[in-house]
Amino acid sequence: MSGILEGRVAIITGAGGGLGAAHAHVFASEGCAVVVNDINTEAAQVVVDEIIAAGGKAVVNSSDITNYDDSLNAVKQAIDSFGDLHIVLNNAGVNRDRMFASMTEAEWDTIMSVHLKGHFCISSHAVHYWRGQSKEGKEVDARIINTTSGAGLQGSIGQSNYAAAKAGIAALTLNQAAELGRYNITANAVAPSARTGMTSAVPEMAERMKKPEDGSFDHFAPENVSNLLAWLASAEAAQVTGRVFEAEGGRICICDGWRTTDGVDRNGPWPPAEVGEAMKVLLEKETPAQKVWGT
C-alpha cells in the first residue's frame, strides 16, 4: 500500500471497533503501519487481520491507556514492530451518561480516567521518545491527534462528566501545541460526528445515523472523519497545529475557542452594588454561545 502516510507509524487507541477501527483502516490504506490498541484483543485482532489481508501493516496492542506504566508498552511495541513512531491518535472512549444531580463519583471518575487521563498516558511516553530524538539531532515530524466532542465544546444535557473531559481534551490540545512545537510535534483535535459504537447504543441516534440503503452518500460513515485525520497525520500537515476541527459527512470546519471581548472598564474598582451596570452592557453586546446539546 502507498499513500500520504507511507513510511509512518501510528498508535490508534480504541481501534478494535467503531470510529477507531475506521481510523486504522484508512491510515493503513494510506501506507501507515498501525498499532491497533484496544483492551478487547479479539476485536483488535479482527481489525489487524483485515488490514493485513488488504496488504497493510498492523499489530495488536492491549495496553491499558489509563495505566501510565502499561501505556509505555504501546510505544515500545510500535518501535519494536515497525522501527519508529510518528503518530499518536487518541480515540478510545466510554460513556457513563447521567444527569448531574444523579451522577455518582464512580461515573465521574471512569470518564475522567478513560478520556482525559487516557489522552495523557501514551502521548506522554511518545513525547519523551520524540524529545529524545530531537535532542540527539534526529529529524522529528510527529503528530498528536486528540478526540474531543461537541459535548465538550458547548455542553450536553445528561453528560456533565463527558462534557468536562472532552473540554479538558480541547484545552490540553492547545497546550500541547504551544509547548511541543519546539520538537516538531503538532497537536490537533477533532470533534467527530459519525456512526460509532456509542451512537449506535442510543436508538434515536442510531436511526438518524444509519447507513442509507439506496447507495447514496453515507453522511455519517466514520471514514469521513478518518480521512481528515489521515491528512493531519501526514507530512503535509506539519504547519497545522493547535486547532480543534469538527468533521461530519463531507464538511470540515474549525471550532473557534473562547475569546475575550472588549469588556467594560471603569479604570477603578467596581463596587458590588454597581456590577449590575457592567453586566447589562456586557450581555447586550455579547455574541451568544452555541446552545448546549439537548436544550
C-alpha atoms as a PDB file:
ATOM      1  CA  MET A   1       0.000   0.000   0.000  1.00  0.00           C
ATOM      2  CA  SER A   2       1.126   3.560  -0.651  1.00  0.00           C
ATOM      3  CA  GLY A   3      -0.367   6.931   0.139  1.00  0.00           C
ATOM      4  CA  ILE A   4       0.160  10.107   2.108  1.00  0.00           C
ATOM      5  CA  LEU A   5       1.202   8.140   5.216  1.00  0.00           C
ATOM      6  CA  GLU A   6       3.734   5.878   3.518  1.00  0.00           C
ATOM      7  CA  GLY A   7       6.568   5.012   5.929  1.00  0.00           C
ATOM      8  CA  ARG A   8       4.843   6.419   9.002  1.00  0.00           C
ATOM      9  CA  VAL A   9       3.844   4.547  12.161  1.00  0.00           C
ATOM     10  CA  ALA A  10       0.773   5.269  14.297  1.00  0.00           C
ATOM     11  CA  ILE A  11      -0.731   4.118  17.568  1.00  0.00           C
ATOM     12  CA  ILE A  12      -4.532   4.346  17.446  1.00  0.00           C
ATOM     13  CA  THR A  13      -6.361   3.772  20.725  1.00  0.00           C
ATOM     14  CA  GLY A  14      -9.782   2.186  20.942  1.00  0.00           C
ATOM     15  CA  ALA A  15      -9.266   0.812  17.438  1.00  0.00           C
ATOM     16  CA  GLY A  16     -10.989  -2.522  17.909  1.00  0.00           C
ATOM     17  CA  GLY A  17     -14.262  -1.186  16.510  1.00  0.00           C
ATOM     18  CA  GLY A  18     -16.330   1.832  15.524  1.00  0.00           C
ATOM     19  CA  LEU A  19     -14.522   5.062  14.773  1.00  0.00           C
ATOM     20  CA  GLY A  20     -11.128   3.734  15.878  1.00  0.00           C
ATOM     21  CA  ALA A  21     -11.333   0.763  13.516  1.00  0.00           C
ATOM     22  CA  ALA A  22     -12.247   3.112  10.665  1.00  0.00           C
ATOM     23  CA  HIS A  23      -9.207   5.263  11.505  1.00  0.00           C
ATOM     24  CA  ALA A  24      -6.986   2.167  11.493  1.00  0.00           C
ATOM     25  CA  HIS A  25      -8.248   1.005   8.104  1.00  0.00           C
ATOM     26  CA  VAL A  26      -7.922   4.428   6.478  1.00  0.00           C
ATOM     27  CA  PHE A  27      -4.450   5.031   7.918  1.00  0.00           C
ATOM     28  CA  ALA A  28      -3.291   1.598   6.762  1.00  0.00           C
ATOM     29  CA  SER A  29      -4.731   2.161   3.295  1.00  0.00           C
ATOM     30  CA  GLU A  30      -2.587   5.297   3.089  1.00  0.00           C
ATOM     31  CA  GLY A  31       0.581   3.310   3.832  1.00  0.00           C
ATOM     32  CA  CYS A  32       0.791   3.755   7.614  1.00  0.00           C
ATOM     33  CA  ALA A  33       1.863   0.901   9.894  1.00  0.00           C
ATOM     34  CA  VAL A  34      -0.733   0.778  12.663  1.00  0.00           C
ATOM     35  CA  VAL A  35      -0.600  -0.340  16.278  1.00  0.00           C
ATOM     36  CA  VAL A  36      -4.240  -1.242  16.932  1.00  0.00           C
ATOM     37  CA  ASN A  37      -4.743  -0.579  20.638  1.00  0.00           C
ATOM     38  CA  ASP A  38      -7.809  -1.952  22.400  1.00  0.00           C
ATOM     39  CA  ILE A  39      -8.492  -3.816  25.632  1.00  0.00           C
ATOM     40  CA  ASN A  40     -10.725  -6.107  23.559  1.00  0.00           C
ATOM     41  CA  THR A  41      -7.911  -8.052  21.931  1.00  0.00           C
ATOM     42  CA  GLU A  42     -10.229 -10.274  19.890  1.00  0.00           C
ATOM     43  CA  ALA A  43     -11.856  -7.253  18.253  1.00  0.00           C
ATOM     44  CA  ALA A  44      -8.449  -5.652  17.699  1.00  0.00           C
ATOM     45  CA  GLN A  45      -7.164  -8.847  16.085  1.00  0.00           C
ATOM     46  CA  VAL A  46     -10.047  -8.795  13.600  1.00  0.00           C
ATOM     47  CA  VAL A  47      -9.074  -5.266  12.553  1.00  0.00           C
ATOM     48  CA  VAL A  48      -5.411  -6.253  12.256  1.00  0.00           C
ATOM     49  CA  ASP A  49      -6.288  -9.337  10.184  1.00  0.00           C
ATOM     50  CA  GLU A  50      -8.411  -7.217   7.829  1.00  0.00           C
ATOM     51  CA  ILE A  51      -5.606  -4.681   7.382  1.00  0.00           C
ATOM     52  CA  ILE A  52      -3.017  -7.365   6.684  1.00  0.00           C
ATOM     53  CA  ALA A  53      -5.360  -9.144   4.261  1.00  0.00           C
ATOM     54  CA  ALA A  54      -5.680  -5.877   2.349  1.00  0.00           C
ATOM     55  CA  GLY A  55      -1.885  -5.585   2.123  1.00  0.00           C
ATOM     56  CA  GLY A  56      -1.291  -3.281   5.080  1.00  0.00           C
ATOM     57  CA  LYS A  57       0.792  -3.472   8.238  1.00  0.00           C
ATOM     58  CA  ALA A  58      -0.690  -3.722  11.725  1.00  0.00           C
ATOM     59  CA  VAL A  59      -0.266  -5.335  15.140  1.00  0.00           C
ATOM     60  CA  VAL A  60      -2.490  -5.704  18.178  1.00  0.00           C
ATOM     61  CA  ASN A  61      -1.687  -3.866  21.394  1.00  0.00           C
ATOM     62  CA  SER A  62      -3.696  -4.303  24.589  1.00  0.00           C
ATOM     63  CA  SER A  63      -2.072  -1.659  26.804  1.00  0.00           C
ATOM     64  CA  ASP A  64      -4.383  -0.057  29.352  1.00  0.00           C
ATOM     65  CA  ILE A  65      -4.432   3.612  28.330  1.00  0.00           C
ATOM     66  CA  THR A  66      -5.432   4.605  31.869  1.00  0.00           C
ATOM     67  CA  ASN A  67      -2.316   2.975  33.338  1.00  0.00           C
ATOM     68  CA  TYR A  68       0.764   5.131  32.858  1.00  0.00           C
ATOM     69  CA  ASP A  69       3.328   2.337  33.113  1.00  0.00           C
ATOM     70  CA  ASP A  70       1.413  -0.049  30.852  1.00  0.00           C
ATOM     71  CA  SER A  71       0.913   2.697  28.261  1.00  0.00           C
ATOM     72  CA  LEU A  72       4.654   2.768  27.699  1.00  0.00           C
ATOM     73  CA  ASN A  73       4.357  -0.716  26.223  1.00  0.00           C
ATOM     74  CA  ALA A  74       2.318   0.631  23.308  1.00  0.00           C
ATOM     75  CA  VAL A  75       5.140   2.993  22.380  1.00  0.00           C
ATOM     76  CA  LYS A  76       7.740   0.245  22.811  1.00  0.00           C
ATOM     77  CA  GLN A  77       5.713  -2.122  20.630  1.00  0.00           C
ATOM     78  CA  ALA A  78       5.411   0.428  17.845  1.00  0.00           C
ATOM     79  CA  ILE A  79       9.176   0.923  17.785  1.00  0.00           C
ATOM     80  CA  ASP A  80       9.967  -2.790  18.138  1.00  0.00           C
ATOM     81  CA  SER A  81       7.468  -3.802  15.434  1.00  0.00           C
ATOM     82  CA  PHE A  82       7.960  -1.043  12.880  1.00  0.00           C
ATOM     83  CA  GLY A  83      11.186   0.738  13.822  1.00  0.00           C
ATOM     84  CA  ASP A  84       9.763   4.124  14.780  1.00  0.00           C
ATOM     85  CA  LEU A  85       6.707   6.085  15.903  1.00  0.00           C
ATOM     86  CA  HIS A  86       5.280   9.221  14.287  1.00  0.00           C
ATOM     87  CA  ILE A  87       1.631   9.492  15.320  1.00  0.00           C
ATOM     88  CA  VAL A  88      -0.495   9.001  18.423  1.00  0.00           C
ATOM     89  CA  LEU A  89      -4.220   9.117  17.699  1.00  0.00           C
ATOM     90  CA  ASN A  90      -6.153   9.171  20.967  1.00  0.00           C
ATOM     91  CA  ASN A  91      -9.597   7.824  20.183  1.00  0.00           C
ATOM     92  CA  ALA A  92     -10.656   5.418  22.947  1.00  0.00           C
ATOM     93  CA  GLY A  93     -13.674   6.377  24.987  1.00  0.00           C
ATOM     94  CA  VAL A  94     -16.686   5.240  27.016  1.00  0.00           C
ATOM     95  CA  ASN A  95     -19.949   6.801  28.175  1.00  0.00           C
ATOM     96  CA  ARG A  96     -21.468   6.958  31.642  1.00  0.00           C
ATOM     97  CA  ASP A  97     -24.373   9.316  30.964  1.00  0.00           C
ATOM     98  CA  ARG A  98     -26.370  10.672  33.880  1.00  0.00           C
ATOM     99  CA  MET A  99     -27.984  13.959  34.844  1.00  0.00           C
ATOM    100  CA  PHE A 100     -25.613  15.897  37.122  1.00  0.00           C
ATOM    101  CA  ALA A 101     -27.916  15.700  40.143  1.00  0.00           C
ATOM    102  CA  SER A 102     -27.858  11.889  39.947  1.00  0.00           C
ATOM    103  CA  MET A 103     -24.262  11.271  38.857  1.00  0.00           C
ATOM    104  CA  THR A 104     -22.081   9.039  41.039  1.00  0.00           C
ATOM    105  CA  GLU A 105     -18.429   9.524  41.839  1.00  0.00           C
ATOM    106  CA  ALA A 106     -17.627   6.280  40.005  1.00  0.00           C
ATOM    107  CA  GLU A 107     -19.348   7.518  36.851  1.00  0.00           C
ATOM    108  CA  TRP A 108     -17.377  10.762  37.020  1.00  0.00           C
ATOM    109  CA  ASP A 109     -14.057   9.035  37.684  1.00  0.00           C
ATOM    110  CA  THR A 110     -14.473   6.464  34.901  1.00  0.00           C
ATOM    111  CA  ILE A 111     -14.954   9.162  32.266  1.00  0.00           C
ATOM    112  CA  MET A 112     -12.047  11.245  33.545  1.00  0.00           C
ATOM    113  CA  SER A 113      -9.803   8.191  33.588  1.00  0.00           C
ATOM    114  CA  VAL A 114     -10.589   6.846  30.115  1.00  0.00           C
ATOM    115  CA  HIS A 115     -10.952  10.131  28.272  1.00  0.00           C
ATOM    116  CA  LEU A 116      -8.729  12.679  29.987  1.00  0.00           C
ATOM    117  CA  LYS A 117      -6.035  10.507  31.550  1.00  0.00           C
ATOM    118  CA  GLY A 118      -6.255   8.201  28.550  1.00  0.00           C
ATOM    119  CA  HIS A 119      -5.268  11.126  26.340  1.00  0.00           C
ATOM    120  CA  PHE A 120      -2.266  11.806  28.586  1.00  0.00           C
ATOM    121  CA  CYS A 121      -0.574   8.457  29.139  1.00  0.00           C
ATOM    122  CA  ILE A 122       0.504   7.202  25.703  1.00  0.00           C
ATOM    123  CA  SER A 123       1.066  10.752  24.451  1.00  0.00           C
ATOM    124  CA  SER A 124       3.388  11.445  27.375  1.00  0.00           C
ATOM    125  CA  HIS A 125       5.582   8.430  26.604  1.00  0.00           C
ATOM    126  CA  ALA A 126       5.561   9.238  22.891  1.00  0.00           C
ATOM    127  CA  VAL A 127       6.663  12.803  23.590  1.00  0.00           C
ATOM    128  CA  HIS A 128       9.542  11.517  25.734  1.00  0.00           C
ATOM    129  CA  TYR A 129      10.633   9.409  22.754  1.00  0.00           C
ATOM    130  CA  TRP A 130      10.333  12.298  20.274  1.00  0.00           C
ATOM    131  CA  ARG A 131      12.057  14.764  22.597  1.00  0.00           C
ATOM    132  CA  GLY A 132      14.917  12.310  22.966  1.00  0.00           C
ATOM    133  CA  GLN A 133      15.200  12.025  19.197  1.00  0.00           C
ATOM    134  CA  SER A 134      15.226  15.805  18.856  1.00  0.00           C
ATOM    135  CA  LYS A 135      17.981  16.195  21.456  1.00  0.00           C
ATOM    136  CA  GLU A 136      20.052  13.610  19.576  1.00  0.00           C
ATOM    137  CA  GLY A 137      19.770  15.741  16.451  1.00  0.00           C
ATOM    138  CA  LYS A 138      17.397  13.386  14.651  1.00  0.00           C
ATOM    139  CA  GLU A 139      14.650  14.773  12.453  1.00  0.00           C
ATOM    140  CA  VAL A 140      11.238  14.666  14.135  1.00  0.00           C
ATOM    141  CA  ASP A 141       7.907  15.109  12.342  1.00  0.00           C
ATOM    142  CA  ALA A 142       5.391  13.874  14.898  1.00  0.00           C
ATOM    143  CA  ARG A 143       1.674  14.173  15.473  1.00  0.00           C
ATOM    144  CA  ILE A 144      -0.687  14.027  18.427  1.00  0.00           C
ATOM    145  CA  ILE A 145      -4.311  13.836  17.318  1.00  0.00           C
ATOM    146  CA  ASN A 146      -6.908  14.033  20.073  1.00  0.00           C
ATOM    147  CA  THR A 147     -10.633  13.334  20.090  1.00  0.00           C
ATOM    148  CA  THR A 148     -12.908  15.913  21.660  1.00  0.00           C
ATOM    149  CA  SER A 149     -16.650  16.315  21.143  1.00  0.00           C
ATOM    150  CA  GLY A 150     -19.394  18.825  20.564  1.00  0.00           C
ATOM    151  CA  ALA A 151     -20.365  17.987  24.143  1.00  0.00           C
ATOM    152  CA  GLY A 152     -17.021  19.346  25.306  1.00  0.00           C
ATOM    153  CA  LEU A 153     -17.202  22.426  23.107  1.00  0.00           C
ATOM    154  CA  GLN A 154     -20.699  23.523  24.045  1.00  0.00           C
ATOM    155  CA  GLY A 155     -22.038  21.146  26.701  1.00  0.00           C
ATOM    156  CA  SER A 156     -24.561  18.315  26.507  1.00  0.00           C
ATOM    157  CA  ILE A 157     -27.536  17.601  28.761  1.00  0.00           C
ATOM    158  CA  GLY A 158     -27.025  14.402  30.762  1.00  0.00           C
ATOM    159  CA  GLN A 159     -23.300  14.275  30.037  1.00  0.00           C
ATOM    160  CA  SER A 160     -21.636  16.585  32.557  1.00  0.00           C
ATOM    161  CA  ASN A 161     -18.750  14.156  33.094  1.00  0.00           C
ATOM    162  CA  TYR A 162     -18.206  13.515  29.386  1.00  0.00           C
ATOM    163  CA  ALA A 163     -18.528  17.218  28.508  1.00  0.00           C
ATOM    164  CA  ALA A 164     -15.994  18.207  31.165  1.00  0.00           C
ATOM    165  CA  ALA A 165     -13.496  15.572  29.997  1.00  0.00           C
ATOM    166  CA  LYS A 166     -13.871  16.499  26.340  1.00  0.00           C
ATOM    167  CA  ALA A 167     -13.491  20.206  27.153  1.00  0.00           C
ATOM    168  CA  GLY A 168     -10.314  19.293  29.014  1.00  0.00           C
ATOM    169  CA  ILE A 169      -9.035  17.472  25.943  1.00  0.00           C
ATOM    170  CA  ALA A 170      -9.594  20.556  23.792  1.00  0.00           C
ATOM    171  CA  ALA A 171      -7.620  22.695  26.258  1.00  0.00           C
ATOM    172  CA  LEU A 172      -4.932  20.016  26.523  1.00  0.00           C
ATOM    173  CA  THR A 173      -4.532  20.116  22.752  1.00  0.00           C
ATOM    174  CA  LEU A 174      -3.884  23.866  22.781  1.00  0.00           C
ATOM    175  CA  ASN A 175      -1.259  23.468  25.490  1.00  0.00           C
ATOM    176  CA  GLN A 176       0.441  20.566  23.735  1.00  0.00           C
ATOM    177  CA  ALA A 177       0.654  22.565  20.520  1.00  0.00           C
ATOM    178  CA  ALA A 178       2.158  25.572  22.300  1.00  0.00           C
ATOM    179  CA  GLU A 179       4.715  23.537  24.262  1.00  0.00           C
ATOM    180  CA  LEU A 180       5.755  20.830  21.812  1.00  0.00           C
ATOM    181  CA  GLY A 181       6.279  22.779  18.601  1.00  0.00           C
ATOM    182  CA  ARG A 182       9.943  23.191  19.528  1.00  0.00           C
ATOM    183  CA  TYR A 183      10.351  19.442  18.953  1.00  0.00           C
ATOM    184  CA  ASN A 184       8.410  19.498  15.651  1.00  0.00           C
ATOM    185  CA  ILE A 185       5.410  17.829  17.262  1.00  0.00           C
ATOM    186  CA  THR A 186       1.986  19.088  16.240  1.00  0.00           C
ATOM    187  CA  ALA A 187      -1.184  18.656  18.289  1.00  0.00           C
ATOM    188  CA  ASN A 188      -4.706  18.940  16.932  1.00  0.00           C
ATOM    189  CA  ALA A 189      -8.114  17.668  17.982  1.00  0.00           C
ATOM    190  CA  VAL A 190     -11.274  16.653  16.178  1.00  0.00           C
ATOM    191  CA  ALA A 191     -14.895  16.637  17.293  1.00  0.00           C
ATOM    192  CA  PRO A 192     -16.373  13.871  15.127  1.00  0.00           C
ATOM    193  CA  SER A 193     -19.981  13.420  14.170  1.00  0.00           C
ATOM    194  CA  ALA A 194     -20.202   9.897  12.848  1.00  0.00           C
ATOM    195  CA  ARG A 195     -21.658   6.461  13.419  1.00  0.00           C
ATOM    196  CA  THR A 196     -19.832   4.801  16.323  1.00  0.00           C
ATOM    197  CA  GLY A 197     -20.417   2.118  18.900  1.00  0.00           C
ATOM    198  CA  MET A 198     -21.552   4.778  21.355  1.00  0.00           C
ATOM    199  CA  THR A 199     -24.024   6.432  18.953  1.00  0.00           C
ATOM    200  CA  SER A 200     -25.401   3.055  17.907  1.00  0.00           C
ATOM    201  CA  ALA A 201     -26.342   2.373  21.530  1.00  0.00           C
ATOM    202  CA  VAL A 202     -28.770   5.341  21.504  1.00  0.00           C
ATOM    203  CA  PRO A 203     -31.874   4.347  19.478  1.00  0.00           C
ATOM    204  CA  GLU A 204     -32.729   7.806  18.119  1.00  0.00           C
ATOM    205  CA  MET A 205     -29.112   8.457  17.112  1.00  0.00           C
ATOM    206  CA  ALA A 206     -28.744   5.006  15.595  1.00  0.00           C
ATOM    207  CA  GLU A 207     -31.799   5.639  13.435  1.00  0.00           C
ATOM    208  CA  ARG A 208     -30.647   9.103  12.348  1.00  0.00           C
ATOM    209  CA  MET A 209     -27.112   7.943  11.525  1.00  0.00           C
ATOM    210  CA  LYS A 210     -27.841   4.601   9.895  1.00  0.00           C
ATOM    211  CA  LYS A 211     -26.244   3.787   6.550  1.00  0.00           C
ATOM    212  CA  PRO A 212     -28.519   4.647   3.611  1.00  0.00           C
ATOM    213  CA  GLU A 213     -29.875   1.621   1.815  1.00  0.00           C
ATOM    214  CA  ASP A 214     -30.075   3.279  -1.593  1.00  0.00           C
ATOM    215  CA  GLY A 215     -26.310   3.550  -2.072  1.00  0.00           C
ATOM    216  CA  SER A 216     -26.258   7.338  -1.691  1.00  0.00           C
ATOM    217  CA  PHE A 217     -23.503   9.208   0.175  1.00  0.00           C
ATOM    218  CA  ASP A 218     -23.131   7.756   3.665  1.00  0.00           C
ATOM    219  CA  HIS A 219     -23.089  11.041   5.561  1.00  0.00           C
ATOM    220  CA  PHE A 220     -22.310   9.519   8.959  1.00  0.00           C
ATOM    221  CA  ALA A 221     -19.746   6.943   7.835  1.00  0.00           C
ATOM    222  CA  PRO A 222     -16.838   7.097  10.302  1.00  0.00           C
ATOM    223  CA  GLU A 223     -14.351   7.031   7.415  1.00  0.00           C
ATOM    224  CA  ASN A 224     -15.414  10.593   6.569  1.00  0.00           C
ATOM    225  CA  VAL A 225     -13.741  11.669   9.812  1.00  0.00           C
ATOM    226  CA  SER A 226     -10.789   9.305   9.351  1.00  0.00           C
ATOM    227  CA  ASN A 227      -9.859  10.944   6.045  1.00  0.00           C
ATOM    228  CA  LEU A 228      -9.311  14.297   7.771  1.00  0.00           C
ATOM    229  CA  LEU A 229      -7.189  12.674  10.460  1.00  0.00           C
ATOM    230  CA  ALA A 230      -5.073  10.847   7.886  1.00  0.00           C
ATOM    231  CA  TRP A 231      -4.219  14.202   6.319  1.00  0.00           C
ATOM    232  CA  LEU A 232      -3.453  15.750   9.726  1.00  0.00           C
ATOM    233  CA  ALA A 233      -1.112  12.820  10.387  1.00  0.00           C
ATOM    234  CA  SER A 234       0.756  13.338   7.114  1.00  0.00           C
ATOM    235  CA  ALA A 235       3.872  15.353   6.352  1.00  0.00           C
ATOM    236  CA  GLU A 236       1.668  17.869   4.524  1.00  0.00           C
ATOM    237  CA  ALA A 237       0.174  18.994   7.853  1.00  0.00           C
ATOM    238  CA  ALA A 238       3.454  19.938   9.535  1.00  0.00           C
ATOM    239  CA  GLN A 239       2.405  23.571   9.944  1.00  0.00           C
ATOM    240  CA  VAL A 240      -1.122  22.893  11.206  1.00  0.00           C
ATOM    241  CA  THR A 241      -1.212  22.758  14.995  1.00  0.00           C
ATOM    242  CA  GLY A 242      -3.291  23.933  17.941  1.00  0.00           C
ATOM    243  CA  ARG A 243      -6.559  23.550  16.060  1.00  0.00           C
ATOM    244  CA  VAL A 244      -9.834  21.913  17.009  1.00  0.00           C
ATOM    245  CA  PHE A 245     -11.772  20.655  13.997  1.00  0.00           C
ATOM    246  CA  GLU A 246     -15.300  19.386  13.546  1.00  0.00           C
ATOM    247  CA  ALA A 247     -15.935  16.744  10.904  1.00  0.00           C
ATOM    248  CA  GLU A 248     -19.275  15.425   9.713  1.00  0.00           C
ATOM    249  CA  GLY A 249     -20.020  13.897   6.343  1.00  0.00           C
ATOM    250  CA  GLY A 250     -18.241  15.972   3.722  1.00  0.00           C
ATOM    251  CA  ARG A 251     -17.975  19.036   5.979  1.00  0.00           C
ATOM    252  CA  ILE A 252     -14.809  20.120   7.807  1.00  0.00           C
ATOM    253  CA  CYS A 253     -14.698  23.225   9.978  1.00  0.00           C
ATOM    254  CA  ILE A 254     -12.528  24.865  12.628  1.00  0.00           C
ATOM    255  CA  CYS A 255     -14.005  25.458  16.077  1.00  0.00           C
ATOM    256  CA  ASP A 256     -13.306  28.915  17.431  1.00  0.00           C
ATOM    257  CA  GLY A 257     -12.287  28.901  21.075  1.00  0.00           C
ATOM    258  CA  TRP A 258     -13.170  31.194  23.955  1.00  0.00           C
ATOM    259  CA  ARG A 259     -12.482  34.812  23.046  1.00  0.00           C
ATOM    260  CA  THR A 260     -12.130  37.850  25.298  1.00  0.00           C
ATOM    261  CA  THR A 261     -14.493  40.711  24.410  1.00  0.00           C
ATOM    262  CA  ASP A 262     -13.723  44.434  24.692  1.00  0.00           C
ATOM    263  CA  GLY A 263     -15.375  44.420  28.091  1.00  0.00           C
ATOM    264  CA  VAL A 264     -16.372  47.342  30.274  1.00  0.00           C
ATOM    265  CA  ASP A 265     -13.578  49.173  32.118  1.00  0.00           C
ATOM    266  CA  ARG A 266     -14.218  51.979  34.617  1.00  0.00           C
ATOM    267  CA  ASN A 267     -10.493  52.309  35.400  1.00  0.00           C
ATOM    268  CA  GLY A 268     -11.152  51.613  39.034  1.00  0.00           C
ATOM    269  CA  PRO A 269     -12.827  49.058  41.289  1.00  0.00           C
ATOM    270  CA  TRP A 270     -16.440  48.058  40.727  1.00  0.00           C
ATOM    271  CA  PRO A 271     -18.465  48.311  43.944  1.00  0.00           C
ATOM    272  CA  PRO A 272     -20.541  45.120  44.195  1.00  0.00           C
ATOM    273  CA  ALA A 273     -23.791  47.065  44.028  1.00  0.00           C
ATOM    274  CA  GLU A 274     -22.761  48.616  40.663  1.00  0.00           C
ATOM    275  CA  VAL A 275     -21.534  45.466  38.877  1.00  0.00           C
ATOM    276  CA  GLY A 276     -25.061  45.043  37.506  1.00  0.00           C
ATOM    277  CA  GLU A 277     -24.489  48.122  35.292  1.00  0.00           C
ATOM    278  CA  ALA A 278     -21.460  46.489  33.670  1.00  0.00           C
ATOM    279  CA  MET A 279     -23.280  43.176  33.330  1.00  0.00           C
ATOM    280  CA  LYS A 280     -26.150  44.823  31.459  1.00  0.00           C
ATOM    281  CA  VAL A 281     -23.749  46.301  28.900  1.00  0.00           C
ATOM    282  CA  LEU A 282     -21.780  43.062  28.542  1.00  0.00           C
ATOM    283  CA  LEU A 283     -24.847  40.920  27.968  1.00  0.00           C
ATOM    284  CA  GLU A 284     -26.324  43.354  25.456  1.00  0.00           C
ATOM    285  CA  LYS A 285     -23.130  43.296  23.380  1.00  0.00           C
ATOM    286  CA  GLU A 286     -22.252  39.608  23.629  1.00  0.00           C
ATOM    287  CA  THR A 287     -22.403  37.076  20.829  1.00  0.00           C
ATOM    288  CA  PRO A 288     -24.368  34.242  22.442  1.00  0.00           C
ATOM    289  CA  ALA A 289     -22.592  30.898  22.756  1.00  0.00           C
ATOM    290  CA  GLN A 290     -23.887  27.905  20.827  1.00  0.00           C
ATOM    291  CA  LYS A 291     -26.679  26.203  22.718  1.00  0.00           C
ATOM    292  CA  VAL A 292     -25.968  23.233  24.953  1.00  0.00           C
ATOM    293  CA  TRP A 293     -26.856  19.975  23.175  1.00  0.00           C
ATOM    294  CA  GLY A 294     -30.270  18.775  24.301  1.00  0.00           C
ATOM    295  CA  THR A 295     -31.697  22.201  25.177  1.00  0.00           C
END
